[in-house]
Protein backbone atom coordinates (compact mmCIF):
# COMPACT_ATOMS: atom_id res chain seq x y z
CA MET A 1 -8.50 -53.93 -41.08
CA ALA A 2 -11.69 -54.83 -39.21
CA ALA A 3 -11.43 -56.87 -36.05
CA GLN A 4 -13.26 -60.19 -35.91
CA VAL A 5 -16.07 -60.33 -33.36
CA THR A 6 -17.19 -63.59 -31.75
CA LEU A 7 -20.69 -63.74 -30.35
CA THR A 8 -22.23 -66.25 -27.97
CA GLU A 9 -25.41 -68.07 -28.95
CA PRO A 10 -27.62 -65.83 -26.71
CA GLU A 11 -26.01 -62.74 -28.27
CA VAL A 12 -26.66 -64.07 -31.77
CA ARG A 13 -30.28 -64.80 -30.85
CA ALA A 14 -30.72 -61.31 -29.36
CA PHE A 15 -29.12 -59.65 -32.38
CA SER A 16 -31.26 -61.73 -34.73
CA SER A 17 -34.38 -60.72 -32.81
CA LEU A 18 -33.39 -57.06 -32.99
CA LEU A 19 -32.81 -57.25 -36.74
CA SER A 20 -36.18 -58.95 -37.18
CA ARG A 21 -38.00 -56.20 -35.24
CA VAL A 22 -36.21 -53.46 -37.19
CA SER A 23 -37.12 -55.18 -40.45
CA GLU A 24 -40.80 -55.40 -39.43
CA ARG A 25 -40.90 -51.74 -38.45
CA LEU A 26 -39.25 -50.70 -41.68
CA ALA A 27 -41.78 -52.72 -43.68
CA THR A 28 -44.63 -51.07 -41.74
CA TYR A 29 -43.12 -47.62 -42.35
CA GLU A 30 -42.74 -48.30 -46.07
CA GLU A 31 -46.32 -49.56 -46.30
CA GLN A 32 -47.62 -46.48 -44.47
CA THR A 33 -45.55 -44.17 -46.69
CA HIS A 34 -47.01 -45.86 -49.77
CA GLN A 35 -50.54 -45.43 -48.39
CA ASP A 36 -49.86 -41.77 -47.58
CA LYS A 37 -48.64 -41.13 -51.13
CA ARG A 38 -51.71 -42.86 -52.57
CA HIS A 39 -54.04 -40.79 -50.36
CA ALA A 40 -52.23 -37.59 -51.34
CA GLU A 41 -52.65 -38.47 -55.02
CA GLU A 42 -56.37 -39.18 -54.49
CA LEU A 43 -56.85 -35.87 -52.67
CA LYS A 44 -55.05 -33.96 -55.43
CA ALA A 45 -57.22 -35.65 -58.08
CA ALA A 46 -60.37 -34.73 -56.14
CA ALA A 47 -59.17 -31.14 -55.72
CA ASP A 48 -58.34 -30.88 -59.43
CA ASP A 49 -61.78 -32.26 -60.27
CA LEU A 50 -63.47 -29.69 -58.03
CA LEU A 51 -61.46 -26.86 -59.61
CA SER A 52 -62.34 -28.00 -63.13
CA ARG A 53 -66.04 -28.12 -62.18
CA LEU A 54 -65.83 -24.57 -60.81
CA ASP A 55 -64.27 -23.37 -64.06
CA GLN A 56 -67.19 -24.75 -66.12
């Protein structure tokens, strides 16, 4: 059984602030990962296009 933890108001505020910063960083990471995937797809499409032009 888990023990109950009681936090003071300053501790709650600090913990809330920490969770907010982690959430913001995670959102930034996810956005960057999405952009990286999109750029990789664009580069692959360009490379495929160049290869098909060479084959013609």
